[in-house]
Amino acid sequence: MDGPVRRCILSGEHDARPHLIRLALAPDGRVLPDVRAKAPGRGGWIGVTRAELDLAIAKGRLKGALARAFKTAEFTIPDDLPALIAAALERNALDRLGLESRSGMLLTGSDKIATAARSGQLHALYHAADAGEDGCRKLAQAWRVGTDREGSDLKGLALPATRPILSMALGRENVVHIGLTDRNAAKRVSEALDRWLHFIGPDPVATPCETASQGASASDLSGDRTAVTVHEDFE
């Protein structure tokens, strides 16, 4: 497990800090998400899904866990805390994609991605929620050929974000498919996306792409945090 390890205050399980979500106290006493873990003061870390958090809030478990983490009971849990966390994680993930785009580590456009995939230069593959199935399938096949993994389940992941959202995040026009050509960039994007997708859980947004999961990270399906069906292994 890379980096500092933290304990989820709700499940009691330990995980690497980038996989968890930090909750912090705002100056006005509200509990707010601190997804970049930069807010001062004490914090409480959670690694549960939104559904599990909803249940913990309803049963009063989150309040008790935060009181122990903050060493005080003087705080307010906003009614929309789960929605605030989901929005913050989405913004963080899209910001990460935007940063990699500006650094030149990210490709868009089927032809460019297919060329990189066939030459073995592709390290991660994503699709807009409204991407066509045929385009997704062709890029997945090119990736398997380029990595000599024909017959495997290596394929891209359809994100719970449509073309306009991805286009705005990347500052490009009509973003349908996204490829990462740098190993470290792919790992950074994987961590940001995995936190978001793990928290929101399986999403009902229909997508024509064949994906490892729809709205949940591939790591959730395999029981660990390494999304081997949508990224290369990063170890």
Protein backbone atom coordinates (compact mmCIF):
# COMPACT_ATOMS: atom_id res chain seq x y z
CA MET A 1 0.00 0.00 0.00
CA ASP A 2 1.63 3.21 -1.22
CA GLY A 3 1.82 6.36 0.93
CA PRO A 4 0.33 7.16 4.33
CA VAL A 5 -2.43 4.88 5.58
CA ARG A 6 -5.58 6.13 7.29
CA ARG A 7 -8.43 4.40 9.10
CA CYS A 8 -12.03 4.82 7.98
CA ILE A 9 -13.97 6.13 10.98
CA LEU A 10 -17.09 4.21 9.90
CA SER A 11 -15.84 0.82 8.72
CA GLY A 12 -12.65 0.63 10.77
CA GLU A 13 -10.73 -0.52 7.71
CA HIS A 14 -7.33 0.92 6.79
CA ASP A 15 -6.40 2.11 3.32
CA ALA A 16 -3.98 4.42 1.54
CA ARG A 17 -4.86 8.07 2.02
CA PRO A 18 -5.54 8.76 -1.70
CA HIS A 19 -8.30 6.14 -1.60
CA LEU A 20 -10.19 7.75 1.28
CA ILE A 21 -12.18 10.96 1.71
CA ARG A 22 -11.29 13.48 4.41
CA LEU A 23 -14.05 15.33 6.23
CA ALA A 24 -13.08 18.56 7.94
CA LEU A 25 -14.67 21.27 10.08
CA ALA A 26 -15.40 24.55 8.34
CA PRO A 27 -15.02 27.79 10.36
CA ASP A 28 -18.81 27.94 10.73
CA GLY A 29 -18.89 24.48 12.33
CA ARG A 30 -20.21 22.59 9.31
CA VAL A 31 -18.69 19.26 8.29
CA LEU A 32 -17.53 19.53 4.68
CA PRO A 33 -15.57 17.32 2.28
CA ASP A 34 -11.85 18.05 2.02
CA VAL A 35 -11.02 15.78 -0.90
CA ARG A 36 -7.54 17.23 -1.38
CA ALA A 37 -6.81 16.91 2.35
CA LYS A 38 -5.51 20.46 2.69
CA ALA A 39 -7.85 22.01 5.27
CA PRO A 40 -6.27 22.78 8.67
CA GLY A 41 -7.31 21.14 11.91
CA ARG A 42 -8.52 17.67 12.76
CA GLY A 43 -10.18 15.53 10.14
CA GLY A 44 -12.09 12.29 9.85
CA TRP A 45 -11.46 9.85 7.00
CA ILE A 46 -14.14 7.73 5.34
CA GLY A 47 -13.90 5.03 2.69
CA VAL A 48 -17.54 4.02 2.41
CA THR A 49 -19.95 4.34 -0.49
CA ARG A 50 -22.66 6.97 -0.65
CA ALA A 51 -25.33 4.41 0.23
CA GLU A 52 -23.33 3.34 3.29
CA LEU A 53 -22.81 6.96 4.30
CA ASP A 54 -26.54 7.69 3.97
CA LEU A 55 -27.24 4.81 6.32
CA ALA A 56 -24.56 5.91 8.80
CA ILE A 57 -26.04 9.42 8.88
CA ALA A 58 -29.58 8.12 9.36
CA LYS A 59 -28.51 5.92 12.28
CA GLY A 60 -26.38 8.63 13.91
CA ARG A 61 -23.17 6.65 13.46
CA LEU A 62 -21.41 9.37 11.48
CA LYS A 63 -22.04 11.98 14.17
CA GLY A 64 -20.54 9.75 16.86
CA ALA A 65 -17.55 8.81 14.71
CA LEU A 66 -16.85 12.45 13.86
CA ALA A 67 -17.17 13.52 17.48
CA ARG A 68 -14.38 11.09 18.34
CA ALA A 69 -12.26 12.20 15.36
CA PHE A 70 -12.75 15.92 15.98
CA LYS A 71 -12.56 15.61 19.80
CA THR A 72 -15.70 17.74 19.99
CA ALA A 73 -19.45 17.46 19.47
CA GLU A 74 -19.77 21.10 18.40
CA PHE A 75 -20.40 20.65 14.69
CA THR A 76 -23.23 20.38 12.19
CA ILE A 77 -23.60 17.71 9.53
CA PRO A 78 -25.29 19.29 6.47
CA ASP A 79 -28.35 17.46 5.19
CA ASP A 80 -26.77 17.34 1.75
CA LEU A 81 -23.33 16.13 2.86
CA PRO A 82 -23.38 13.02 0.61
CA ALA A 83 -24.25 15.20 -2.40
CA LEU A 84 -21.49 17.67 -1.47
CA ILE A 85 -18.97 14.82 -1.30
CA ALA A 86 -20.08 13.40 -4.66
CA ALA A 87 -19.83 16.82 -6.29
CA ALA A 88 -16.39 17.46 -4.79
CA LEU A 89 -15.07 14.08 -5.94
CA GLU A 90 -16.46 14.62 -9.43
CA ARG A 91 -14.86 18.07 -9.63
CA ASN A 92 -11.54 16.67 -8.37
CA ALA A 93 -11.57 13.84 -10.92
CA LEU A 94 -12.44 16.13 -13.83
CA ASP A 95 -9.81 18.63 -12.69
CA ARG A 96 -7.22 15.84 -12.72
CA LEU A 97 -8.18 14.92 -16.29
CA GLY A 98 -7.87 18.60 -17.22
CA LEU A 99 -4.41 18.83 -15.68
CA GLU A 100 -3.18 15.77 -17.57
CA SER A 101 -4.68 17.18 -20.76
CA ARG A 102 -2.76 20.43 -20.36
CA SER A 103 0.45 18.55 -19.59
CA GLY A 104 0.24 16.64 -22.86
CA MET A 105 -0.23 13.23 -21.24
CA LEU A 106 -3.78 12.72 -22.52
CA LEU A 107 -5.16 11.93 -25.96
CA THR A 108 -8.63 12.45 -27.40
CA GLY A 109 -9.93 11.37 -30.79
CA SER A 110 -10.40 7.76 -31.86
CA ASP A 111 -7.62 7.75 -34.46
CA LYS A 112 -4.94 9.13 -32.13
CA ILE A 113 -5.93 6.80 -29.30
CA ALA A 114 -6.06 3.77 -31.61
CA THR A 115 -2.59 4.54 -32.95
CA ALA A 116 -1.17 4.85 -29.42
CA ALA A 117 -2.99 1.68 -28.35
CA ARG A 118 -1.65 -0.43 -31.22
CA SER A 119 1.90 0.79 -30.58
CA GLY A 120 1.73 -0.18 -26.91
CA GLN A 121 1.76 3.40 -25.63
CA LEU A 122 -1.70 3.41 -24.01
CA HIS A 123 -1.93 3.06 -20.21
CA ALA A 124 -5.61 3.83 -19.56
CA LEU A 125 -8.78 4.20 -21.62
CA TYR A 126 -12.04 6.00 -20.79
CA HIS A 127 -15.24 6.82 -22.65
CA ALA A 128 -18.00 9.40 -22.30
CA ALA A 129 -21.26 7.97 -20.98
CA ASP A 130 -22.87 8.60 -24.36
CA ALA A 131 -20.06 7.13 -26.46
CA GLY A 132 -21.07 4.62 -29.12
CA GLU A 133 -20.55 0.92 -28.47
CA ASP A 134 -18.76 0.31 -31.75
CA GLY A 135 -16.12 2.97 -31.09
CA CYS A 136 -15.51 1.67 -27.57
CA ARG A 137 -15.13 -1.88 -28.83
CA LYS A 138 -12.66 -0.95 -31.60
CA LEU A 139 -10.43 1.00 -29.22
CA ALA A 140 -10.49 -1.83 -26.67
CA GLN A 141 -9.44 -4.28 -29.37
CA ALA A 142 -6.59 -2.00 -30.50
CA TRP A 143 -5.41 -1.75 -26.88
CA ARG A 144 -5.45 -5.53 -26.42
CA VAL A 145 -3.48 -5.99 -29.63
CA GLY A 146 -0.91 -3.36 -28.64
CA THR A 147 -0.34 -4.91 -25.23
CA ASP A 148 -0.37 -8.50 -26.53
CA ARG A 149 -3.42 -9.28 -24.41
CA GLU A 150 -5.86 -10.46 -27.05
CA GLY A 151 -8.61 -12.57 -25.51
CA SER A 152 -8.34 -10.74 -22.17
CA ASP A 153 -10.97 -8.49 -20.58
CA LEU A 154 -8.81 -5.36 -20.98
CA LYS A 155 -11.13 -2.54 -22.04
CA GLY A 156 -12.06 1.03 -21.31
CA LEU A 157 -14.48 2.37 -18.75
CA ALA A 158 -17.51 4.51 -19.51
CA LEU A 159 -17.53 7.40 -17.05
CA PRO A 160 -20.75 8.85 -15.59
CA ALA A 161 -20.09 12.03 -17.56
CA THR A 162 -21.33 12.91 -21.03
CA ARG A 163 -19.40 14.45 -23.91
CA PRO A 164 -20.23 18.08 -23.03
CA ILE A 165 -19.01 17.60 -19.45
CA LEU A 166 -15.75 15.94 -20.50
CA SER A 167 -15.22 18.49 -23.25
CA MET A 168 -15.57 21.33 -20.78
CA ALA A 169 -13.24 19.66 -18.27
CA LEU A 170 -10.52 19.11 -20.88
CA GLY A 171 -11.02 22.35 -22.78
CA ARG A 172 -11.45 20.45 -26.03
CA GLU A 173 -14.28 19.91 -28.48
CA ASN A 174 -16.43 16.77 -28.59
CA VAL A 175 -14.49 14.56 -26.16
CA VAL A 176 -15.84 11.03 -26.63
CA HIS A 177 -12.83 8.86 -25.79
CA ILE A 178 -9.83 9.55 -23.53
CA GLY A 179 -6.49 7.78 -23.54
CA LEU A 180 -3.56 8.21 -21.13
CA THR A 181 -0.11 7.67 -22.63
CA ASP A 182 1.99 8.20 -19.50
CA ARG A 183 2.10 5.56 -16.77
CA ASN A 184 2.28 8.01 -13.87
CA ALA A 185 -0.46 10.20 -15.34
CA ALA A 186 -2.66 7.12 -15.69
CA LYS A 187 -2.07 6.25 -12.05
CA ARG A 188 -2.98 9.77 -10.91
CA VAL A 189 -6.17 9.73 -12.96
CA SER A 190 -6.98 6.23 -11.74
CA GLU A 191 -6.80 7.29 -8.11
CA ALA A 192 -8.97 10.38 -8.62
CA LEU A 193 -11.59 8.53 -10.64
CA ASP A 194 -11.60 5.47 -8.42
CA ARG A 195 -12.46 7.53 -5.32
CA TRP A 196 -15.33 9.22 -7.12
CA LEU A 197 -16.75 6.08 -8.73
CA HIS A 198 -16.36 4.00 -5.57
CA PHE A 199 -18.29 6.60 -3.56
CA ILE A 200 -21.22 7.06 -5.94
CA GLY A 201 -21.56 3.32 -6.51
CA PRO A 202 -23.31 1.66 -9.47
CA ASP A 203 -25.01 4.38 -11.46
CA PRO A 204 -28.24 3.95 -13.43
CA VAL A 205 -27.05 6.20 -16.28
CA ALA A 206 -27.43 4.11 -19.41
CA THR A 207 -24.36 3.80 -21.61
CA PRO A 208 -24.00 1.88 -24.88
CA CYS A 209 -20.35 1.09 -24.20
CA GLU A 210 -19.35 -2.32 -22.99
CA THR A 211 -17.53 -1.48 -19.77
CA ALA A 212 -16.14 -3.11 -16.68
CA SER A 213 -18.87 -1.32 -14.74
CA GLN A 214 -21.27 1.56 -15.13
CA GLY A 215 -20.73 4.18 -12.45
CA ALA A 216 -18.57 1.92 -10.28
CA SER A 217 -14.86 1.42 -10.66
CA ALA A 218 -13.58 -1.86 -11.99
CA SER A 219 -11.72 -2.31 -8.73
CA ASP A 220 -15.03 -2.60 -6.92
CA LEU A 221 -15.85 -5.61 -9.04
CA SER A 222 -12.56 -7.32 -8.37
CA GLY A 223 -12.53 -6.55 -4.66
CA ASP A 224 -9.42 -4.36 -4.66
CA ARG A 225 -8.36 -0.89 -5.73
CA THR A 226 -6.38 -1.79 -8.88
CA ALA A 227 -8.65 -1.38 -11.89
CA VAL A 228 -6.93 -4.04 -13.98
CA THR A 229 -9.64 -4.15 -16.66
CA VAL A 230 -9.45 -0.44 -17.50
CA HIS A 231 -5.83 0.39 -16.71
CA GLU A 232 -2.51 -1.33 -16.78
CA ASP A 233 -1.27 -2.66 -13.48
CA PHE A 234 0.60 0.17 -11.71
CA GLU A 235 2.70 -1.88 -9.31
